[in-house]
Amino acid sequence: MTEIITVRQTFVLFPLGKKRFAFSAEHVSEFARPDEPQTFPHTTPLLTGVVVRRNQIVPVADVAPLLVGSDAPVRKFYLVVNRKLNGKVSRTAIPVTGECELTEAEQLPVTGKLPAYVSGLLSLKNEIVEVLDIEKLMSGEVRA
């Protein structure tokens, strides 16, 4: 008899409108109330401005239009995630619509046609939650 070993990981679940998504907890550095972002002219589609968090300038990337469409509700908090940028760890603030939740679950493989920034799925009670890859999400990678 072969023993099946499941690996449970910790994830941060966050809402964008009526849908929830997840990042691996190892990529999340904080959950914060939003400061008023400073905006400036730029050419990056997801970048909406910057905020100062813990004496650092942190870019704000509004991924809601990409994930849930242009009619996403008002974002109330920031989920600050760590990502690699030019070989260094950098922080990015992701606006979310409500409270985040820490959960432990087994990440399931991607099934069907999902964008490349979806690295796995979580099966939670009556809900399937997409686990996002922050690097691919920020690059706008999608599957054909």
Protein backbone atom coordinates (compact mmCIF):
# COMPACT_ATOMS: atom_id res chain seq x y z
CA MET A 1 0.00 0.00 0.00
CA THR A 2 1.34 3.42 -0.98
CA GLU A 3 1.02 6.20 1.54
CA ILE A 4 -0.13 9.54 0.12
CA ILE A 5 1.71 12.46 1.66
CA THR A 6 0.04 15.83 1.48
CA VAL A 7 1.91 19.04 2.10
CA ARG A 8 -0.08 21.76 3.78
CA GLN A 9 1.12 25.31 3.29
CA THR A 10 0.09 28.64 4.76
CA PHE A 11 -1.68 31.17 2.55
CA VAL A 12 -3.06 34.67 2.91
CA LEU A 13 -6.56 34.89 1.43
CA PHE A 14 -7.73 38.29 0.27
CA PRO A 15 -11.00 39.54 -1.22
CA LEU A 16 -11.47 41.49 -4.42
CA GLY A 17 -15.17 42.10 -4.66
CA LYS A 18 -17.10 38.83 -4.34
CA LYS A 19 -14.11 36.65 -5.18
CA ARG A 20 -11.14 35.65 -3.01
CA PHE A 21 -7.56 34.98 -4.09
CA ALA A 22 -4.45 33.80 -2.23
CA PHE A 23 -0.74 34.44 -2.01
CA SER A 24 1.66 32.08 -0.28
CA ALA A 25 2.16 33.53 3.21
CA GLU A 26 5.92 33.57 2.72
CA HIS A 27 5.46 36.36 0.15
CA VAL A 28 3.31 38.61 2.36
CA SER A 29 4.99 41.10 4.67
CA GLU A 30 2.02 43.07 6.04
CA PHE A 31 -1.65 44.02 5.87
CA ALA A 32 -2.22 47.76 6.19
CA ARG A 33 -4.82 50.48 6.07
CA PRO A 34 -4.38 52.50 2.91
CA ASP A 35 -2.46 55.72 2.87
CA GLU A 36 -3.29 58.17 0.14
CA PRO A 37 -1.09 57.03 -2.76
CA GLN A 38 1.06 59.57 -4.53
CA THR A 39 0.41 59.40 -8.24
CA PHE A 40 2.68 60.39 -11.09
CA PRO A 41 2.87 59.89 -14.85
CA HIS A 42 4.13 56.41 -15.74
CA THR A 43 3.87 53.73 -18.41
CA THR A 44 3.30 50.61 -16.30
CA PRO A 45 -0.36 49.48 -16.60
CA LEU A 46 -0.80 48.03 -13.08
CA LEU A 47 1.13 50.73 -11.21
CA THR A 48 -1.22 53.33 -9.75
CA GLY A 49 1.20 55.23 -7.52
CA VAL A 50 3.36 54.81 -4.45
CA VAL A 51 2.88 54.89 -0.67
CA VAL A 52 5.36 55.22 2.17
CA ARG A 53 5.39 52.14 4.43
CA ARG A 54 7.95 51.72 7.21
CA ASN A 55 10.09 54.54 5.80
CA GLN A 56 10.22 52.93 2.35
CA ILE A 57 8.61 53.98 -0.89
CA VAL A 58 6.38 51.08 -1.96
CA PRO A 59 4.77 50.91 -5.41
CA VAL A 60 1.01 50.32 -5.47
CA ALA A 61 -0.17 47.80 -8.07
CA ASP A 62 -3.92 47.65 -8.55
CA VAL A 63 -4.46 44.13 -9.92
CA ALA A 64 -8.26 44.14 -9.36
CA PRO A 65 -9.14 45.12 -12.95
CA LEU A 66 -7.00 42.24 -14.23
CA LEU A 67 -8.44 39.71 -11.76
CA VAL A 68 -12.13 40.69 -11.47
CA GLY A 69 -12.75 43.28 -14.18
CA SER A 70 -13.12 47.01 -14.40
CA ASP A 71 -16.12 47.19 -12.05
CA ALA A 72 -14.14 46.02 -9.00
CA PRO A 73 -15.36 47.67 -5.79
CA VAL A 74 -13.39 50.25 -3.83
CA ARG A 75 -10.22 48.81 -2.30
CA LYS A 76 -10.00 49.46 1.47
CA PHE A 77 -6.66 47.95 2.55
CA TYR A 78 -3.20 47.12 1.23
CA LEU A 79 -1.68 43.67 1.24
CA VAL A 80 2.07 44.26 1.01
CA VAL A 81 3.87 41.44 -0.79
CA ASN A 82 7.54 40.70 -1.33
CA ARG A 83 8.76 40.09 -4.86
CA LYS A 84 12.07 39.82 -6.63
CA LEU A 85 13.02 42.80 -8.76
CA ASN A 86 16.41 42.89 -10.46
CA GLY A 87 17.68 40.18 -8.10
CA LYS A 88 16.63 42.05 -4.94
CA VAL A 89 13.60 41.65 -2.72
CA SER A 90 11.17 44.50 -3.26
CA ARG A 91 7.78 45.23 -1.69
CA THR A 92 4.59 45.98 -3.61
CA ALA A 93 1.26 47.11 -2.13
CA ILE A 94 -1.79 45.35 -3.57
CA PRO A 95 -5.11 47.12 -2.81
CA VAL A 96 -7.79 44.67 -1.56
CA THR A 97 -11.47 45.17 -0.77
CA GLY A 98 -11.65 43.75 2.75
CA GLU A 99 -10.07 41.81 5.59
CA CYS A 100 -7.50 39.15 4.80
CA GLU A 101 -7.39 35.69 6.33
CA LEU A 102 -4.53 33.33 7.11
CA THR A 103 -5.25 29.68 6.28
CA GLU A 104 -3.42 26.40 6.01
CA ALA A 105 -4.29 24.16 3.06
CA GLU A 106 -2.93 21.83 0.43
CA GLN A 107 -2.26 23.58 -2.88
CA LEU A 108 -3.83 21.69 -5.76
CA PRO A 109 -2.49 21.85 -9.32
CA VAL A 110 -4.03 24.21 -11.88
CA THR A 111 -6.77 22.59 -13.92
CA GLY A 112 -8.37 23.92 -17.07
CA LYS A 113 -7.46 27.13 -18.82
CA LEU A 114 -6.39 29.66 -16.25
CA PRO A 115 -4.01 32.60 -16.64
CA ALA A 116 -0.28 31.86 -16.15
CA TYR A 117 -0.27 33.94 -12.95
CA VAL A 118 -2.43 31.28 -11.26
CA SER A 119 0.07 28.85 -9.71
CA GLY A 120 -2.43 26.55 -7.99
CA LEU A 121 -5.84 26.16 -6.42
CA LEU A 122 -7.14 25.83 -2.87
CA SER A 123 -10.31 23.86 -2.16
CA LEU A 124 -11.89 25.52 0.90
CA LYS A 125 -15.33 24.38 2.04
CA ASN A 126 -17.62 25.57 -0.79
CA GLU A 127 -15.03 27.70 -2.58
CA ILE A 128 -12.13 27.26 -5.00
CA VAL A 129 -9.49 29.96 -4.47
CA GLU A 130 -6.82 30.77 -7.05
CA VAL A 131 -3.26 31.00 -5.68
CA LEU A 132 -1.42 33.81 -7.46
CA ASP A 133 2.23 34.00 -8.52
CA ILE A 134 3.17 37.62 -7.81
CA GLU A 135 6.01 37.69 -10.38
CA LYS A 136 3.80 36.47 -13.24
CA LEU A 137 0.89 38.63 -12.11
CA MET A 138 3.02 41.78 -12.18
CA SER A 139 4.41 40.89 -15.61
CA GLY A 140 0.85 40.49 -16.95
CA GLU A 141 1.55 36.91 -18.07
CA VAL A 142 -1.50 35.04 -19.32
CA ARG A 143 -1.91 31.60 -20.89
CA ALA A 144 -2.90 31.34 -24.52
